[in-house]
Amino acid sequence: MKIKKAILYTYFFAVCFTFLYYFLNKYFVNILSQKFLNKSVSAFQAFFYFPFVFIYMWIPGLVALYFAKKEKIKIPIFKKFNKYYFYGLGLPIIFIFLIIFVSMIFSKIDLTYVSLIFPPSFNFFSISALNYILYFLFLLLLLLLYGCTINTFIALGQEIMWRGYLVEKFKKFNFWHSSLIIGVLWGIWHFPITIMFGYYFSTYRFLTLIWMLILTVLSTPLYIYLRQKGKSVLVSALFYGIFNSIAPYSVMFFNEPNQLLVGASGFASFIVWLIVNFFLYLMMQKKLKI
């Protein structure tokens, strides 16, 4: 089956590219920075990281586009603008607030990190307080702008495969069955960078694989729902781009949080995604329109 080839190609290129980046990161960048340019290694690592993420995210998309063209499958990357684009814009913010709220079960609110933005003498009722609050909101706005532009374009690469090509190929399955399969395949795609770099929890790499798999399986139904209702892969990419951009806000209200429990990558998010899936199930059973 061509679908198996598409998945295998995606995994193969992802693994090869991760090894290539690891080699460049560990050896070439070291040599280049220390012997020739006398610059810090971290500066070069940061410089190479963004292109790596961009290419890694677009590996599934390029593979999907290649096989879709070969099989004459139309992937709805962008369709007419509709209300689900607004859902893609607004839902990530609601999700982050819900995750923060649920995270309070596992950790107490601590504004140590937030206080770094404001001076020690900060007073909400002072005239100058408005400036700092506006600055805080300005940072959030910048993240939202980054999320709905650059990060959405980066996310579009993976969404073309996971919510584009695969959704078209799995039409014979019901919604929940296809969501489970796509969620697992999507999670496995994260494994190379997780194993190599300890993505999320560097000290618990094996546990991170399980955490990642759970997250992708639990979140996939909503991504597919947004894609199907919005009739566009761009809708799910928009949600992903914004959600990942503002995800750090889900832990900044906790001092040294256990990220296995707290935040967008923790157990708290599992609870939120489970609740969302429960409501999705009820809506589909009753065929409610939102």
C-alpha atoms as a PDB file:
ATOM      1  CA  MET A   1       0.000   0.000   0.000  1.00  0.00           C
ATOM      2  CA  LYS A   2       1.201   3.485  -0.862  1.00  0.00           C
ATOM      3  CA  ILE A   3       0.117   4.767   2.530  1.00  0.00           C
ATOM      4  CA  LYS A   4       2.683   2.484   4.185  1.00  0.00           C
ATOM      5  CA  LYS A   5       5.353   3.799   1.839  1.00  0.00           C
ATOM      6  CA  ALA A   6       4.412   7.382   2.667  1.00  0.00           C
ATOM      7  CA  ILE A   7       4.698   6.718   6.408  1.00  0.00           C
ATOM      8  CA  LEU A   8       7.974   4.803   6.046  1.00  0.00           C
ATOM      9  CA  TYR A   9       9.459   7.551   3.858  1.00  0.00           C
ATOM     10  CA  THR A  10       8.434  10.126   6.451  1.00  0.00           C
ATOM     11  CA  TYR A  11      10.043   8.185   9.300  1.00  0.00           C
ATOM     12  CA  PHE A  12      13.153   7.387   7.259  1.00  0.00           C
ATOM     13  CA  PHE A  13      13.806  11.004   6.285  1.00  0.00           C
ATOM     14  CA  ALA A  14      13.008  12.178   9.821  1.00  0.00           C
ATOM     15  CA  VAL A  15      15.546   9.766  11.348  1.00  0.00           C
ATOM     16  CA  CYS A  16      18.226  10.578   8.747  1.00  0.00           C
ATOM     17  CA  PHE A  17      17.753  14.312   9.123  1.00  0.00           C
ATOM     18  CA  THR A  18      17.845  14.083  12.930  1.00  0.00           C
ATOM     19  CA  PHE A  19      21.134  12.159  12.808  1.00  0.00           C
ATOM     20  CA  LEU A  20      22.527  14.710  10.350  1.00  0.00           C
ATOM     21  CA  TYR A  21      21.555  17.596  12.616  1.00  0.00           C
ATOM     22  CA  TYR A  22      22.962  15.789  15.654  1.00  0.00           C
ATOM     23  CA  PHE A  23      26.291  15.275  13.872  1.00  0.00           C
ATOM     24  CA  LEU A  24      26.442  18.902  12.727  1.00  0.00           C
ATOM     25  CA  ASN A  25      25.383  20.110  16.155  1.00  0.00           C
ATOM     26  CA  LYS A  26      27.931  18.032  18.061  1.00  0.00           C
ATOM     27  CA  TYR A  27      30.963  18.133  15.797  1.00  0.00           C
ATOM     28  CA  PHE A  28      30.774  20.647  12.974  1.00  0.00           C
ATOM     29  CA  VAL A  29      29.309  23.501  15.048  1.00  0.00           C
ATOM     30  CA  ASN A  30      31.936  22.897  17.743  1.00  0.00           C
ATOM     31  CA  ILE A  31      34.778  23.087  15.240  1.00  0.00           C
ATOM     32  CA  LEU A  32      33.301  26.051  13.395  1.00  0.00           C
ATOM     33  CA  SER A  33      32.645  28.085  16.532  1.00  0.00           C
ATOM     34  CA  GLN A  34      35.838  27.391  18.479  1.00  0.00           C
ATOM     35  CA  LYS A  35      38.538  27.088  15.837  1.00  0.00           C
ATOM     36  CA  PHE A  36      37.447  29.464  13.133  1.00  0.00           C
ATOM     37  CA  LEU A  37      35.030  32.101  14.367  1.00  0.00           C
ATOM     38  CA  ASN A  38      35.748  32.061  18.100  1.00  0.00           C
ATOM     39  CA  LYS A  39      32.056  32.295  18.917  1.00  0.00           C
ATOM     40  CA  SER A  40      30.040  30.464  21.554  1.00  0.00           C
ATOM     41  CA  VAL A  41      28.675  27.038  20.659  1.00  0.00           C
ATOM     42  CA  SER A  42      25.211  27.920  21.973  1.00  0.00           C
ATOM     43  CA  ALA A  43      24.956  30.834  19.526  1.00  0.00           C
ATOM     44  CA  PHE A  44      25.564  28.507  16.578  1.00  0.00           C
ATOM     45  CA  GLN A  45      23.222  25.861  17.999  1.00  0.00           C
ATOM     46  CA  ALA A  46      20.452  28.448  18.249  1.00  0.00           C
ATOM     47  CA  PHE A  47      21.208  29.593  14.703  1.00  0.00           C
ATOM     48  CA  PHE A  48      20.928  26.063  13.284  1.00  0.00           C
ATOM     49  CA  TYR A  49      17.944  25.016  15.431  1.00  0.00           C
ATOM     50  CA  PHE A  50      15.259  27.030  13.607  1.00  0.00           C
ATOM     51  CA  PRO A  51      16.156  25.680  10.128  1.00  0.00           C
ATOM     52  CA  PHE A  52      16.229  22.178  11.635  1.00  0.00           C
ATOM     53  CA  VAL A  53      12.730  22.541  13.103  1.00  0.00           C
ATOM     54  CA  PHE A  54      11.408  24.041   9.866  1.00  0.00           C
ATOM     55  CA  ILE A  55      12.782  21.227   7.683  1.00  0.00           C
ATOM     56  CA  TYR A  56      11.803  18.504  10.176  1.00  0.00           C
ATOM     57  CA  MET A  57       8.227  19.794  10.290  1.00  0.00           C
ATOM     58  CA  TRP A  58       7.996  19.933   6.506  1.00  0.00           C
ATOM     59  CA  ILE A  59       9.333  16.414   5.893  1.00  0.00           C
ATOM     60  CA  PRO A  60       5.837  14.867   6.370  1.00  0.00           C
ATOM     61  CA  GLY A  61       4.250  17.591   4.238  1.00  0.00           C
ATOM     62  CA  LEU A  62       6.614  17.139   1.304  1.00  0.00           C
ATOM     63  CA  VAL A  63       6.213  13.359   1.423  1.00  0.00           C
ATOM     64  CA  ALA A  64       2.419  13.757   1.574  1.00  0.00           C
ATOM     65  CA  LEU A  65       2.365  16.165  -1.369  1.00  0.00           C
ATOM     66  CA  TYR A  66       4.509  13.788  -3.413  1.00  0.00           C
ATOM     67  CA  PHE A  67       2.244  10.778  -2.788  1.00  0.00           C
ATOM     68  CA  ALA A  68      -0.951  12.832  -3.121  1.00  0.00           C
ATOM     69  CA  LYS A  69       0.151  13.996  -6.566  1.00  0.00           C
ATOM     70  CA  LYS A  70       1.087  10.449  -7.503  1.00  0.00           C
ATOM     71  CA  GLU A  71      -2.282   9.091  -6.349  1.00  0.00           C
ATOM     72  CA  LYS A  72      -4.250  12.127  -7.591  1.00  0.00           C
ATOM     73  CA  ILE A  73      -5.545  12.896  -4.105  1.00  0.00           C
ATOM     74  CA  LYS A  74      -6.657  16.455  -3.406  1.00  0.00           C
ATOM     75  CA  ILE A  75      -5.517  17.703  -0.012  1.00  0.00           C
ATOM     76  CA  PRO A  76      -7.646  20.694   1.101  1.00  0.00           C
ATOM     77  CA  ILE A  77      -4.795  22.931   2.251  1.00  0.00           C
ATOM     78  CA  PHE A  78      -6.841  26.113   2.028  1.00  0.00           C
ATOM     79  CA  LYS A  79     -10.520  26.583   1.374  1.00  0.00           C
ATOM     80  CA  LYS A  80     -12.894  29.496   1.643  1.00  0.00           C
ATOM     81  CA  PHE A  81     -12.578  31.434   4.910  1.00  0.00           C
ATOM     82  CA  ASN A  82     -15.139  30.309   7.514  1.00  0.00           C
ATOM     83  CA  LYS A  83     -15.844  30.541  11.246  1.00  0.00           C
ATOM     84  CA  TYR A  84     -13.545  27.617  12.068  1.00  0.00           C
ATOM     85  CA  TYR A  85     -10.539  29.814  11.346  1.00  0.00           C
ATOM     86  CA  PHE A  86     -11.668  31.887  14.332  1.00  0.00           C
ATOM     87  CA  TYR A  87     -11.853  28.666  16.356  1.00  0.00           C
ATOM     88  CA  GLY A  88      -8.292  27.929  15.321  1.00  0.00           C
ATOM     89  CA  LEU A  89      -7.317  31.392  16.562  1.00  0.00           C
ATOM     90  CA  GLY A  90      -9.255  31.463  19.825  1.00  0.00           C
ATOM     91  CA  LEU A  91      -9.365  27.898  21.114  1.00  0.00           C
ATOM     92  CA  PRO A  92      -5.612  27.661  21.881  1.00  0.00           C
ATOM     93  CA  ILE A  93      -5.923  30.587  24.327  1.00  0.00           C
ATOM     94  CA  ILE A  94      -8.888  28.936  26.065  1.00  0.00           C
ATOM     95  CA  PHE A  95      -6.977  25.660  26.205  1.00  0.00           C
ATOM     96  CA  ILE A  96      -3.961  27.272  27.876  1.00  0.00           C
ATOM     97  CA  PHE A  97      -6.188  28.831  30.550  1.00  0.00           C
ATOM     98  CA  LEU A  98      -7.892  25.471  31.136  1.00  0.00           C
ATOM     99  CA  ILE A  99      -4.515  23.724  31.408  1.00  0.00           C
ATOM    100  CA  ILE A 100      -3.301  26.339  33.921  1.00  0.00           C
ATOM    101  CA  PHE A 101      -6.499  25.841  35.938  1.00  0.00           C
ATOM    102  CA  VAL A 102      -6.144  22.032  35.982  1.00  0.00           C
ATOM    103  CA  SER A 103      -2.410  22.349  36.727  1.00  0.00           C
ATOM    104  CA  MET A 104      -3.353  24.002  40.024  1.00  0.00           C
ATOM    105  CA  ILE A 105      -4.407  20.537  41.216  1.00  0.00           C
ATOM    106  CA  PHE A 106      -0.756  19.439  41.048  1.00  0.00           C
ATOM    107  CA  SER A 107       1.094  22.647  41.905  1.00  0.00           C
ATOM    108  CA  LYS A 108       0.451  25.948  43.656  1.00  0.00           C
ATOM    109  CA  ILE A 109       0.431  29.189  41.724  1.00  0.00           C
ATOM    110  CA  ASP A 110       3.755  30.974  42.150  1.00  0.00           C
ATOM    111  CA  LEU A 111       4.450  34.225  40.332  1.00  0.00           C
ATOM    112  CA  THR A 112       8.247  34.041  40.637  1.00  0.00           C
ATOM    113  CA  TYR A 113       8.746  33.840  36.876  1.00  0.00           C
ATOM    114  CA  VAL A 114       6.090  36.435  36.151  1.00  0.00           C
ATOM    115  CA  SER A 115       7.702  38.807  38.665  1.00  0.00           C
ATOM    116  CA  LEU A 116      10.860  38.818  36.538  1.00  0.00           C
ATOM    117  CA  ILE A 117       8.936  40.901  34.018  1.00  0.00           C
ATOM    118  CA  PHE A 118       7.898  43.430  36.668  1.00  0.00           C
ATOM    119  CA  PRO A 119      10.122  45.381  39.084  1.00  0.00           C
ATOM    120  CA  PRO A 120      10.121  44.522  42.843  1.00  0.00           C
ATOM    121  CA  SER A 121       8.242  47.748  43.605  1.00  0.00           C
ATOM    122  CA  PHE A 122       5.436  46.868  41.203  1.00  0.00           C
ATOM    123  CA  ASN A 123       1.972  47.804  42.425  1.00  0.00           C
ATOM    124  CA  PHE A 124      -1.145  46.996  40.443  1.00  0.00           C
ATOM    125  CA  PHE A 125      -2.799  50.165  41.735  1.00  0.00           C
ATOM    126  CA  SER A 126       0.013  52.529  40.804  1.00  0.00           C
ATOM    127  CA  ILE A 127      -0.035  54.684  37.680  1.00  0.00           C
ATOM    128  CA  SER A 128       3.040  52.923  36.251  1.00  0.00           C
ATOM    129  CA  ALA A 129       1.395  49.498  36.677  1.00  0.00           C
ATOM    130  CA  LEU A 130      -0.507  49.957  33.445  1.00  0.00           C
ATOM    131  CA  ASN A 131       2.768  50.174  31.511  1.00  0.00           C
ATOM    132  CA  TYR A 132       3.960  46.805  32.820  1.00  0.00           C
ATOM    133  CA  ILE A 133       0.603  45.128  32.290  1.00  0.00           C
ATOM    134  CA  LEU A 134       0.536  46.454  28.738  1.00  0.00           C
ATOM    135  CA  TYR A 135       4.084  45.165  28.265  1.00  0.00           C
ATOM    136  CA  PHE A 136       3.006  41.715  29.491  1.00  0.00           C
ATOM    137  CA  LEU A 137       0.026  41.741  27.116  1.00  0.00           C
ATOM    138  CA  PHE A 138       2.287  42.989  24.326  1.00  0.00           C
ATOM    139  CA  LEU A 139       4.524  39.928  24.795  1.00  0.00           C
ATOM    140  CA  LEU A 140       1.452  37.705  24.585  1.00  0.00           C
ATOM    141  CA  LEU A 141       0.330  39.529  21.444  1.00  0.00           C
ATOM    142  CA  LEU A 142       3.750  38.994  19.855  1.00  0.00           C
ATOM    143  CA  LEU A 143       3.508  35.273  20.602  1.00  0.00           C
ATOM    144  CA  LEU A 144       0.030  35.172  19.067  1.00  0.00           C
ATOM    145  CA  LEU A 145       1.242  36.993  15.954  1.00  0.00           C
ATOM    146  CA  TYR A 146       4.192  34.634  15.671  1.00  0.00           C
ATOM    147  CA  GLY A 147       1.855  31.689  16.224  1.00  0.00           C
ATOM    148  CA  CYS A 148      -0.665  32.623  13.536  1.00  0.00           C
ATOM    149  CA  THR A 149       1.988  33.494  10.939  1.00  0.00           C
ATOM    150  CA  ILE A 150       5.453  31.899  11.072  1.00  0.00           C
ATOM    151  CA  ASN A 151       4.558  29.044  13.412  1.00  0.00           C
ATOM    152  CA  THR A 152       1.384  28.240  11.479  1.00  0.00           C
ATOM    153  CA  PHE A 153       3.380  28.011   8.256  1.00  0.00           C
ATOM    154  CA  ILE A 154       5.885  25.703   9.971  1.00  0.00           C
ATOM    155  CA  ALA A 155       3.038  23.596  11.390  1.00  0.00           C
ATOM    156  CA  LEU A 156       1.367  23.402   7.987  1.00  0.00           C
ATOM    157  CA  GLY A 157       4.128  21.030   6.866  1.00  0.00           C
ATOM    158  CA  GLN A 158       3.205  18.308   9.311  1.00  0.00           C
ATOM    159  CA  GLU A 159      -0.525  19.005   9.081  1.00  0.00           C
ATOM    160  CA  ILE A 160      -0.515  18.325   5.328  1.00  0.00           C
ATOM    161  CA  MET A 161       0.464  14.748   6.197  1.00  0.00           C
ATOM    162  CA  TRP A 162      -1.317  14.005   9.486  1.00  0.00           C
ATOM    163  CA  ARG A 163      -4.553  15.953   8.929  1.00  0.00           C
ATOM    164  CA  GLY A 164      -4.391  16.132   5.147  1.00  0.00           C
ATOM    165  CA  TYR A 165      -3.133  13.081   3.297  1.00  0.00           C
ATOM    166  CA  LEU A 166      -3.869  10.545   6.058  1.00  0.00           C
ATOM    167  CA  VAL A 167      -7.385  11.834   6.718  1.00  0.00           C
ATOM    168  CA  GLU A 168      -8.137  11.408   3.014  1.00  0.00           C
ATOM    169  CA  LYS A 169      -6.653   7.901   3.031  1.00  0.00           C
ATOM    170  CA  PHE A 170      -8.494   6.830   6.187  1.00  0.00           C
ATOM    171  CA  LYS A 171     -11.968   7.893   5.062  1.00  0.00           C
ATOM    172  CA  LYS A 172     -13.063   4.263   5.212  1.00  0.00           C
ATOM    173  CA  PHE A 173     -12.596   4.307   9.000  1.00  0.00           C
ATOM    174  CA  ASN A 174     -14.856   6.107  11.448  1.00  0.00           C
ATOM    175  CA  PHE A 175     -13.750   9.345  13.109  1.00  0.00           C
ATOM    176  CA  TRP A 176     -12.400   7.821  16.338  1.00  0.00           C
ATOM    177  CA  HIS A 177     -10.682   4.895  14.653  1.00  0.00           C
ATOM    178  CA  SER A 178      -8.839   7.150  12.193  1.00  0.00           C
ATOM    179  CA  SER A 179      -8.007   9.594  15.012  1.00  0.00           C
ATOM    180  CA  LEU A 180      -6.376   6.800  17.011  1.00  0.00           C
ATOM    181  CA  ILE A 181      -4.281   5.559  14.078  1.00  0.00           C
ATOM    182  CA  ILE A 182      -3.200   9.052  13.020  1.00  0.00           C
ATOM    183  CA  GLY A 183      -2.463  10.010  16.625  1.00  0.00           C
ATOM    184  CA  VAL A 184      -0.138   7.016  17.051  1.00  0.00           C
ATOM    185  CA  LEU A 185       1.619   7.634  13.714  1.00  0.00           C
ATOM    186  CA  TRP A 186       1.997  11.318  14.550  1.00  0.00           C
ATOM    187  CA  GLY A 187       3.451  10.470  17.964  1.00  0.00           C
ATOM    188  CA  ILE A 188       6.001   8.015  16.542  1.00  0.00           C
ATOM    189  CA  TRP A 189       7.188  10.725  14.141  1.00  0.00           C
ATOM    190  CA  HIS A 190       8.284  12.736  17.217  1.00  0.00           C
ATOM    191  CA  PHE A 191      10.456   9.872  18.514  1.00  0.00           C
ATOM    192  CA  PRO A 192      13.734  10.693  16.682  1.00  0.00           C
ATOM    193  CA  ILE A 193      14.040  14.210  18.126  1.00  0.00           C
ATOM    194  CA  THR A 194      12.741  13.005  21.494  1.00  0.00           C
ATOM    195  CA  ILE A 195      15.388  10.279  21.771  1.00  0.00           C
ATOM    196  CA  MET A 196      18.170  12.456  20.390  1.00  0.00           C
ATOM    197  CA  PHE A 197      17.532  15.667  22.281  1.00  0.00           C
ATOM    198  CA  GLY A 198      15.260  14.761  25.182  1.00  0.00           C
ATOM    199  CA  TYR A 199      12.409  16.850  23.819  1.00  0.00           C
ATOM    200  CA  TYR A 200      10.256  18.121  26.763  1.00  0.00           C
ATOM    201  CA  PHE A 201      11.869  16.116  29.602  1.00  0.00           C
ATOM    202  CA  SER A 202      15.602  15.589  29.021  1.00  0.00           C
ATOM    203  CA  THR A 203      16.022  13.492  32.193  1.00  0.00           C
ATOM    204  CA  TYR A 204      13.139  11.124  31.393  1.00  0.00           C
ATOM    205  CA  ARG A 205      13.624  10.368  27.708  1.00  0.00           C
ATOM    206  CA  PHE A 206      11.818   7.014  27.644  1.00  0.00           C
ATOM    207  CA  LEU A 207       8.924   8.418  29.643  1.00  0.00           C
ATOM    208  CA  THR A 208       8.816  11.350  27.233  1.00  0.00           C
ATOM    209  CA  LEU A 209       8.119   8.924  24.374  1.00  0.00           C
ATOM    210  CA  ILE A 210       5.067   7.624  26.226  1.00  0.00           C
ATOM    211  CA  TRP A 211       3.984  11.156  27.176  1.00  0.00           C
ATOM    212  CA  MET A 212       4.332  12.316  23.585  1.00  0.00           C
ATOM    213  CA  LEU A 213       2.325   9.365  22.284  1.00  0.00           C
ATOM    214  CA  ILE A 214      -0.473  10.005  24.782  1.00  0.00           C
ATOM    215  CA  LEU A 215      -0.549  13.709  23.897  1.00  0.00           C
ATOM    216  CA  THR A 216      -0.729  13.110  20.157  1.00  0.00           C
ATOM    217  CA  VAL A 217      -3.434  10.449  20.503  1.00  0.00           C
ATOM    218  CA  LEU A 218      -5.555  12.605  22.825  1.00  0.00           C
ATOM    219  CA  SER A 219      -5.188  15.800  20.785  1.00  0.00           C
ATOM    220  CA  THR A 220      -5.681  14.312  17.314  1.00  0.00           C
ATOM    221  CA  PRO A 221      -9.528  14.143  17.419  1.00  0.00           C
ATOM    222  CA  LEU A 222      -9.844  17.913  17.820  1.00  0.00           C
ATOM    223  CA  TYR A 223      -7.287  18.577  15.088  1.00  0.00           C
ATOM    224  CA  ILE A 224      -9.187  16.323  12.691  1.00  0.00           C
ATOM    225  CA  TYR A 225     -12.507  17.841  13.761  1.00  0.00           C
ATOM    226  CA  LEU A 226     -11.246  21.376  13.032  1.00  0.00           C
ATOM    227  CA  ARG A 227      -9.782  20.256   9.724  1.00  0.00           C
ATOM    228  CA  GLN A 228     -13.011  18.546   8.642  1.00  0.00           C
ATOM    229  CA  LYS A 229     -15.366  21.294   9.782  1.00  0.00           C
ATOM    230  CA  GLY A 230     -13.140  24.039   8.424  1.00  0.00           C
ATOM    231  CA  LYS A 231     -12.638  22.021   5.221  1.00  0.00           C
ATOM    232  CA  SER A 232      -8.992  23.060   5.359  1.00  0.00           C
ATOM    233  CA  VAL A 233      -5.708  21.745   6.752  1.00  0.00           C
ATOM    234  CA  LEU A 234      -4.783  25.364   7.462  1.00  0.00           C
ATOM    235  CA  VAL A 235      -7.362  25.497  10.276  1.00  0.00           C
ATOM    236  CA  SER A 236      -5.661  22.715  12.246  1.00  0.00           C
ATOM    237  CA  ALA A 237      -2.247  24.226  11.419  1.00  0.00           C
ATOM    238  CA  LEU A 238      -3.450  27.555  12.807  1.00  0.00           C
ATOM    239  CA  PHE A 239      -4.537  25.903  16.052  1.00  0.00           C
ATOM    240  CA  TYR A 240      -1.230  24.033  16.337  1.00  0.00           C
ATOM    241  CA  GLY A 241       0.876  27.102  15.528  1.00  0.00           C
ATOM    242  CA  ILE A 242      -0.789  29.323  18.121  1.00  0.00           C
ATOM    243  CA  PHE A 243      -1.061  26.616  20.785  1.00  0.00           C
ATOM    244  CA  ASN A 244       2.651  25.798  20.610  1.00  0.00           C
ATOM    245  CA  SER A 245       3.580  29.484  20.635  1.00  0.00           C
ATOM    246  CA  ILE A 246       1.727  30.280  23.859  1.00  0.00           C
ATOM    247  CA  ALA A 247       2.269  26.888  25.540  1.00  0.00           C
ATOM    248  CA  PRO A 248       5.114  28.297  27.732  1.00  0.00           C
ATOM    249  CA  TYR A 249       2.481  30.449  29.467  1.00  0.00           C
ATOM    250  CA  SER A 250       0.999  27.244  30.902  1.00  0.00           C
ATOM    251  CA  VAL A 251       4.023  26.752  33.201  1.00  0.00           C
ATOM    252  CA  MET A 252       5.216  30.294  33.890  1.00  0.00           C
ATOM    253  CA  PHE A 253       2.700  30.728  36.713  1.00  0.00           C
ATOM    254  CA  PHE A 254       4.337  27.883  38.657  1.00  0.00           C
ATOM    255  CA  ASN A 255       7.788  27.985  40.268  1.00  0.00           C
ATOM    256  CA  GLU A 256       9.975  25.049  39.156  1.00  0.00           C
ATOM    257  CA  PRO A 257       6.959  22.963  38.106  1.00  0.00           C
ATOM    258  CA  ASN A 258       7.094  19.237  37.475  1.00  0.00           C
ATOM    259  CA  GLN A 259       6.363  19.329  33.746  1.00  0.00           C
ATOM    260  CA  LEU A 260       5.288  15.691  33.826  1.00  0.00           C
ATOM    261  CA  LEU A 261       2.248  16.971  35.713  1.00  0.00           C
ATOM    262  CA  VAL A 262       1.924  20.683  34.982  1.00  0.00           C
ATOM    263  CA  GLY A 263       1.510  22.624  31.758  1.00  0.00           C
ATOM    264  CA  ALA A 264       0.745  21.909  28.116  1.00  0.00           C
ATOM    265  CA  SER A 265       3.012  18.843  28.051  1.00  0.00           C
ATOM    266  CA  GLY A 266       1.996  17.460  31.450  1.00  0.00           C
ATOM    267  CA  PHE A 267      -0.700  15.271  32.942  1.00  0.00           C
ATOM    268  CA  ALA A 268      -2.898  18.354  33.407  1.00  0.00           C
ATOM    269  CA  SER A 269      -3.171  18.671  29.634  1.00  0.00           C
ATOM    270  CA  PHE A 270      -4.174  14.989  29.393  1.00  0.00           C
ATOM    271  CA  ILE A 271      -7.167  15.782  31.591  1.00  0.00           C
ATOM    272  CA  VAL A 272      -8.122  18.789  29.446  1.00  0.00           C
ATOM    273  CA  TRP A 273      -7.834  16.797  26.210  1.00  0.00           C
ATOM    274  CA  LEU A 274      -9.917  13.952  27.683  1.00  0.00           C
ATOM    275  CA  ILE A 275     -12.663  16.407  28.647  1.00  0.00           C
ATOM    276  CA  VAL A 276     -12.574  17.947  25.160  1.00  0.00           C
ATOM    277  CA  ASN A 277     -12.802  14.503  23.550  1.00  0.00           C
ATOM    278  CA  PHE A 278     -15.755  13.646  25.776  1.00  0.00           C
ATOM    279  CA  PHE A 279     -17.604  16.763  24.573  1.00  0.00           C
ATOM    280  CA  LEU A 280     -16.637  15.997  20.976  1.00  0.00           C
ATOM    281  CA  TYR A 281     -18.114  12.531  21.395  1.00  0.00           C
ATOM    282  CA  LEU A 282     -21.364  13.942  22.816  1.00  0.00           C
ATOM    283  CA  MET A 283     -21.613  16.492  19.997  1.00  0.00           C
ATOM    284  CA  MET A 284     -21.130  13.831  17.362  1.00  0.00           C
ATOM    285  CA  GLN A 285     -23.639  11.518  19.000  1.00  0.00           C
ATOM    286  CA  LYS A 286     -26.247  14.275  19.074  1.00  0.00           C
ATOM    287  CA  LYS A 287     -24.988  15.746  15.774  1.00  0.00           C
ATOM    288  CA  LEU A 288     -24.752  19.193  17.293  1.00  0.00           C
ATOM    289  CA  LYS A 289     -23.372  22.028  15.205  1.00  0.00           C
ATOM    290  CA  ILE A 290     -20.905  24.536  16.661  1.00  0.00           C
END
